[in-house]
Amino acid sequence: MLYSSGHCEDHTYRVQYVKSKSGSFGLYEYPEENPILVTNEDGSIQRKDITKTSVFQGIPIS
């Protein structure tokens, strides 16, 4: 599941993901690759390369 937190117009905004082995209502794990996107203090966006992680393999990310 992808989710975001913080305010989208300042440095507190970030996008994270969690995964579950037991479905959408199960216990969630917070992978080390989090957050996958953050807004820096200067307003620029920093994105991690998560395409090599098993949960995202084969999914095109642009």
PDB file of N, CA and C in Angstrom:
ATOM      1  N   MET A   1       0.841  -1.153   0.000  1.00  0.00           N
ATOM      2  CA  MET A   1       0.000   0.000   0.000  1.00  0.00           C
ATOM      3  C   MET A   1       0.899   1.232   0.000  1.00  0.00           C
ATOM      4  N   LEU A   2       0.626   2.162  -0.876  1.00  0.00           N
ATOM      5  CA  LEU A   2       1.323   3.447  -0.893  1.00  0.00           C
ATOM      6  C   LEU A   2       0.519   4.455  -0.100  1.00  0.00           C
ATOM      7  N   TYR A   3       1.219   5.335   0.599  1.00  0.00           N
ATOM      8  CA  TYR A   3       0.523   6.405   1.315  1.00  0.00           C
ATOM      9  C   TYR A   3       1.458   7.592   1.459  1.00  0.00           C
ATOM     10  N   SER A   4       0.903   8.737   1.719  1.00  0.00           N
ATOM     11  CA  SER A   4       1.703   9.951   1.882  1.00  0.00           C
ATOM     12  C   SER A   4       1.396  10.589   3.230  1.00  0.00           C
ATOM     13  N   SER A   5       2.327  11.430   3.657  1.00  0.00           N
ATOM     14  CA  SER A   5       2.134  12.148   4.914  1.00  0.00           C
ATOM     15  C   SER A   5       2.798  13.517   4.791  1.00  0.00           C
ATOM     16  N   GLY A   6       2.466  14.381   5.701  1.00  0.00           N
ATOM     17  CA  GLY A   6       3.012  15.730   5.676  1.00  0.00           C
ATOM     18  C   GLY A   6       2.186  16.654   4.796  1.00  0.00           C
ATOM     19  N   HIS A   7       2.688  17.847   4.597  1.00  0.00           N
ATOM     20  CA  HIS A   7       2.011  18.873   3.804  1.00  0.00           C
ATOM     21  C   HIS A   7       2.649  18.921   2.424  1.00  0.00           C
ATOM     22  N   CYS A   8       1.854  18.795   1.365  1.00  0.00           N
ATOM     23  CA  CYS A   8       2.393  18.680   0.009  1.00  0.00           C
ATOM     24  C   CYS A   8       3.106  19.941  -0.484  1.00  0.00           C
ATOM     25  N   GLU A   9       3.026  21.034   0.222  1.00  0.00           N
ATOM     26  CA  GLU A   9       3.660  22.274  -0.219  1.00  0.00           C
ATOM     27  C   GLU A   9       4.903  22.644   0.580  1.00  0.00           C
ATOM     28  N   ASP A  10       5.404  21.731   1.425  1.00  0.00           N
ATOM     29  CA  ASP A  10       6.643  22.038   2.143  1.00  0.00           C
ATOM     30  C   ASP A  10       7.486  20.780   2.348  1.00  0.00           C
ATOM     31  N   HIS A  11       8.568  20.918   3.080  1.00  0.00           N
ATOM     32  CA  HIS A  11       9.559  19.852   3.237  1.00  0.00           C
ATOM     33  C   HIS A  11       9.076  18.658   4.068  1.00  0.00           C
ATOM     34  N   THR A  12       7.867  18.716   4.627  1.00  0.00           N
ATOM     35  CA  THR A  12       7.379  17.599   5.438  1.00  0.00           C
ATOM     36  C   THR A  12       6.701  16.511   4.609  1.00  0.00           C
ATOM     37  N   TYR A  13       6.477  16.773   3.310  1.00  0.00           N
ATOM     38  CA  TYR A  13       5.761  15.808   2.473  1.00  0.00           C
ATOM     39  C   TYR A  13       6.655  14.621   2.127  1.00  0.00           C
ATOM     40  N   ARG A  14       6.096  13.423   2.208  1.00  0.00           N
ATOM     41  CA  ARG A  14       6.822  12.200   1.869  1.00  0.00           C
ATOM     42  C   ARG A  14       5.850  11.111   1.447  1.00  0.00           C
ATOM     43  N   VAL A  15       6.334  10.208   0.623  1.00  0.00           N
ATOM     44  CA  VAL A  15       5.548   9.065   0.178  1.00  0.00           C
ATOM     45  C   VAL A  15       6.251   7.807   0.680  1.00  0.00           C
ATOM     46  N   GLN A  16       5.493   6.926   1.311  1.00  0.00           N
ATOM     47  CA  GLN A  16       6.024   5.688   1.853  1.00  0.00           C
ATOM     48  C   GLN A  16       5.193   4.524   1.338  1.00  0.00           C
ATOM     49  N   TYR A  17       5.658   3.324   1.597  1.00  0.00           N
ATOM     50  CA  TYR A  17       4.841   2.151   1.299  1.00  0.00           C
ATOM     51  C   TYR A  17       5.014   1.126   2.400  1.00  0.00           C
ATOM     52  N   VAL A  18       4.019   0.293   2.537  1.00  0.00           N
ATOM     53  CA  VAL A  18       4.068  -0.846   3.451  1.00  0.00           C
ATOM     54  C   VAL A  18       3.625  -2.069   2.661  1.00  0.00           C
ATOM     55  N   LYS A  19       3.976  -3.240   3.150  1.00  0.00           N
ATOM     56  CA  LYS A  19       3.549  -4.466   2.495  1.00  0.00           C
ATOM     57  C   LYS A  19       3.070  -5.458   3.533  1.00  0.00           C
ATOM     58  N   SER A  20       2.209  -6.358   3.080  1.00  0.00           N
ATOM     59  CA  SER A  20       1.634  -7.362   3.968  1.00  0.00           C
ATOM     60  C   SER A  20       1.660  -8.711   3.281  1.00  0.00           C
ATOM     61  N   LYS A  21       1.975  -9.746   4.028  1.00  0.00           N
ATOM     62  CA  LYS A  21       1.960 -11.108   3.495  1.00  0.00           C
ATOM     63  C   LYS A  21       0.573 -11.732   3.620  1.00  0.00           C
ATOM     64  N   SER A  22      -0.302 -11.105   4.382  1.00  0.00           N
ATOM     65  CA  SER A  22      -1.615 -11.705   4.621  1.00  0.00           C
ATOM     66  C   SER A  22      -2.768 -10.907   4.026  1.00  0.00           C
ATOM     67  N   GLY A  23      -2.507 -10.065   3.049  1.00  0.00           N
ATOM     68  CA  GLY A  23      -3.573  -9.324   2.398  1.00  0.00           C
ATOM     69  C   GLY A  23      -3.709  -7.904   2.907  1.00  0.00           C
ATOM     70  N   SER A  24      -4.677  -7.203   2.372  1.00  0.00           N
ATOM     71  CA  SER A  24      -4.821  -5.775   2.670  1.00  0.00           C
ATOM     72  C   SER A  24      -5.245  -5.467   4.097  1.00  0.00           C
ATOM     73  N   PHE A  25      -5.751  -6.449   4.820  1.00  0.00           N
ATOM     74  CA  PHE A  25      -6.158  -6.219   6.205  1.00  0.00           C
ATOM     75  C   PHE A  25      -5.175  -6.815   7.211  1.00  0.00           C
ATOM     76  N   GLY A  26      -4.069  -7.344   6.709  1.00  0.00           N
ATOM     77  CA  GLY A  26      -3.117  -8.025   7.570  1.00  0.00           C
ATOM     78  C   GLY A  26      -2.153  -7.087   8.270  1.00  0.00           C
ATOM     79  N   LEU A  27      -1.199  -7.661   8.948  1.00  0.00           N
ATOM     80  CA  LEU A  27      -0.137  -6.885   9.576  1.00  0.00           C
ATOM     81  C   LEU A  27       0.776  -6.346   8.490  1.00  0.00           C
ATOM     82  N   TYR A  28       1.205  -5.113   8.632  1.00  0.00           N
ATOM     83  CA  TYR A  28       2.037  -4.475   7.624  1.00  0.00           C
ATOM     84  C   TYR A  28       3.488  -4.407   8.069  1.00  0.00           C
ATOM     85  N   GLU A  29       4.388  -4.547   7.091  1.00  0.00           N
ATOM     86  CA  GLU A  29       5.816  -4.365   7.311  1.00  0.00           C
ATOM     87  C   GLU A  29       6.223  -3.040   6.684  1.00  0.00           C
ATOM     88  N   TYR A  30       7.138  -2.337   7.327  1.00  0.00           N
ATOM     89  CA  TYR A  30       7.644  -1.058   6.835  1.00  0.00           C
ATOM     90  C   TYR A  30       9.055  -1.293   6.294  1.00  0.00           C
ATOM     91  N   PRO A  31       9.213  -1.487   4.963  1.00  0.00           N
ATOM     92  CA  PRO A  31      10.523  -1.795   4.393  1.00  0.00           C
ATOM     93  C   PRO A  31      11.558  -0.691   4.600  1.00  0.00           C
ATOM     94  N   GLU A  32      12.823  -1.079   4.579  1.00  0.00           N
ATOM     95  CA  GLU A  32      13.932  -0.135   4.781  1.00  0.00           C
ATOM     96  C   GLU A  32      14.001   0.944   3.719  1.00  0.00           C
ATOM     97  N   GLU A  33      13.477   0.687   2.523  1.00  0.00           N
ATOM     98  CA  GLU A  33      13.576   1.634   1.410  1.00  0.00           C
ATOM     99  C   GLU A  33      12.738   2.892   1.606  1.00  0.00           C
ATOM    100  N   ASN A  34      11.996   2.984   2.673  1.00  0.00           N
ATOM    101  CA  ASN A  34      11.134   4.137   2.939  1.00  0.00           C
ATOM    102  C   ASN A  34      11.918   5.318   3.473  1.00  0.00           C
ATOM    103  N   PRO A  35      11.464   6.535   3.236  1.00  0.00           N
ATOM    104  CA  PRO A  35      10.417   6.901   2.291  1.00  0.00           C
ATOM    105  C   PRO A  35      10.945   6.794   0.867  1.00  0.00           C
ATOM    106  N   ILE A  36      10.036   6.637  -0.096  1.00  0.00           N
ATOM    107  CA  ILE A  36      10.468   6.507  -1.483  1.00  0.00           C
ATOM    108  C   ILE A  36      10.490   7.854  -2.206  1.00  0.00           C
ATOM    109  N   LEU A  37       9.874   8.859  -1.614  1.00  0.00           N
ATOM    110  CA  LEU A  37       9.896  10.204  -2.176  1.00  0.00           C
ATOM    111  C   LEU A  37       9.791  11.199  -1.028  1.00  0.00           C
ATOM    112  N   VAL A  38      10.625  12.240  -1.069  1.00  0.00           N
ATOM    113  CA  VAL A  38      10.558  13.298  -0.059  1.00  0.00           C
ATOM    114  C   VAL A  38      10.705  14.649  -0.744  1.00  0.00           C
ATOM    115  N   THR A  39      10.125  15.663  -0.146  1.00  0.00           N
ATOM    116  CA  THR A  39      10.332  17.032  -0.598  1.00  0.00           C
ATOM    117  C   THR A  39      11.377  17.657   0.315  1.00  0.00           C
ATOM    118  N   ASN A  40      12.436  18.175  -0.300  1.00  0.00           N
ATOM    119  CA  ASN A  40      13.517  18.797   0.460  1.00  0.00           C
ATOM    120  C   ASN A  40      13.135  20.199   0.918  1.00  0.00           C
ATOM    121  N   GLU A  41      13.903  20.761   1.822  1.00  0.00           N
ATOM    122  CA  GLU A  41      13.615  22.104   2.352  1.00  0.00           C
ATOM    123  C   GLU A  41      13.545  23.153   1.250  1.00  0.00           C
ATOM    124  N   ASP A  42      14.339  22.982   0.169  1.00  0.00           N
ATOM    125  CA  ASP A  42      14.342  23.971  -0.917  1.00  0.00           C
ATOM    126  C   ASP A  42      13.196  23.754  -1.915  1.00  0.00           C
ATOM    127  N   GLY A  43      12.329  22.775  -1.660  1.00  0.00           N
ATOM    128  CA  GLY A  43      11.185  22.512  -2.525  1.00  0.00           C
ATOM    129  C   GLY A  43      11.449  21.479  -3.605  1.00  0.00           C
ATOM    130  N   SER A  44      12.694  21.041  -3.755  1.00  0.00           N
ATOM    131  CA  SER A  44      12.998  20.018  -4.750  1.00  0.00           C
ATOM    132  C   SER A  44      12.540  18.654  -4.242  1.00  0.00           C
ATOM    133  N   ILE A  45      12.370  17.735  -5.166  1.00  0.00           N
ATOM    134  CA  ILE A  45      11.883  16.401  -4.825  1.00  0.00           C
ATOM    135  C   ILE A  45      13.018  15.399  -4.963  1.00  0.00           C
ATOM    136  N   GLN A  46      13.142  14.554  -3.974  1.00  0.00           N
ATOM    137  CA  GLN A  46      14.155  13.502  -3.998  1.00  0.00           C
ATOM    138  C   GLN A  46      13.440  12.163  -4.037  1.00  0.00           C
ATOM    139  N   ARG A  47      13.797  11.340  -5.021  1.00  0.00           N
ATOM    140  CA  ARG A  47      13.172  10.027  -5.183  1.00  0.00           C
ATOM    141  C   ARG A  47      14.231   8.944  -5.071  1.00  0.00           C
ATOM    142  N   LYS A  48      13.934   7.897  -4.332  1.00  0.00           N
ATOM    143  CA  LYS A  48      14.847   6.759  -4.237  1.00  0.00           C
ATOM    144  C   LYS A  48      14.597   5.821  -5.407  1.00  0.00           C
ATOM    145  N   ASP A  49      15.650   5.143  -5.858  1.00  0.00           N
ATOM    146  CA  ASP A  49      15.501   4.134  -6.896  1.00  0.00           C
ATOM    147  C   ASP A  49      15.043   2.847  -6.231  1.00  0.00           C
ATOM    148  N   ILE A  50      13.762   2.585  -6.325  1.00  0.00           N
ATOM    149  CA  ILE A  50      13.191   1.407  -5.674  1.00  0.00           C
ATOM    150  C   ILE A  50      12.910   0.293  -6.665  1.00  0.00           C
ATOM    151  N   THR A  51      13.303   0.482  -7.917  1.00  0.00           N
ATOM    152  CA  THR A  51      12.985  -0.515  -8.942  1.00  0.00           C
ATOM    153  C   THR A  51      13.700  -1.835  -8.715  1.00  0.00           C
ATOM    154  N   LYS A  52      14.747  -1.858  -7.902  1.00  0.00           N
ATOM    155  CA  LYS A  52      15.486  -3.095  -7.641  1.00  0.00           C
ATOM    156  C   LYS A  52      14.935  -3.868  -6.447  1.00  0.00           C
ATOM    157  N   THR A  53      13.980  -3.311  -5.729  1.00  0.00           N
ATOM    158  CA  THR A  53      13.410  -4.013  -4.589  1.00  0.00           C
ATOM    159  C   THR A  53      12.380  -5.026  -5.069  1.00  0.00           C
ATOM    160  N   SER A  54      12.245  -6.131  -4.392  1.00  0.00           N
ATOM    161  CA  SER A  54      11.405  -7.231  -4.849  1.00  0.00           C
ATOM    162  C   SER A  54       9.937  -6.839  -5.003  1.00  0.00           C
ATOM    163  N   VAL A  55       9.454  -5.955  -4.161  1.00  0.00           N
ATOM    164  CA  VAL A  55       8.034  -5.592  -4.223  1.00  0.00           C
ATOM    165  C   VAL A  55       7.708  -4.801  -5.490  1.00  0.00           C
ATOM    166  N   PHE A  56       8.693  -4.118  -6.083  1.00  0.00           N
ATOM    167  CA  PHE A  56       8.432  -3.292  -7.264  1.00  0.00           C
ATOM    168  C   PHE A  56       9.034  -3.847  -8.541  1.00  0.00           C
ATOM    169  N   GLN A  57       9.663  -5.003  -8.533  1.00  0.00           N
ATOM    170  CA  GLN A  57      10.258  -5.550  -9.734  1.00  0.00           C
ATOM    171  C   GLN A  57       9.189  -5.798 -10.779  1.00  0.00           C
ATOM    172  N   GLY A  58       9.463  -5.346 -11.994  1.00  0.00           N
ATOM    173  CA  GLY A  58       8.531  -5.552 -13.094  1.00  0.00           C
ATOM    174  C   GLY A  58       7.470  -4.476 -13.223  1.00  0.00           C
ATOM    175  N   ILE A  59       7.438  -3.506 -12.298  1.00  0.00           N
ATOM    176  CA  ILE A  59       6.459  -2.432 -12.373  1.00  0.00           C
ATOM    177  C   ILE A  59       7.165  -1.179 -12.885  1.00  0.00           C
ATOM    178  N   PRO A  60       6.761  -0.638 -14.039  1.00  0.00           N
ATOM    179  CA  PRO A  60       7.417   0.568 -14.566  1.00  0.00           C
ATOM    180  C   PRO A  60       7.124   1.777 -13.673  1.00  0.00           C
ATOM    181  N   ILE A  61       8.159   2.500 -13.324  1.00  0.00           N
ATOM    182  CA  ILE A  61       8.015   3.716 -12.503  1.00  0.00           C
ATOM    183  C   ILE A  61       8.641   4.850 -13.281  1.00  0.00           C
ATOM    184  N   SER A  62       7.862   5.863 -13.575  1.00  0.00           N
ATOM    185  CA  SER A  62       8.392   6.988 -14.352  1.00  0.00           C
ATOM    186  C   SER A  62       8.536   8.217 -13.505  1.00  0.00           C
TER     187      SER A  62
END
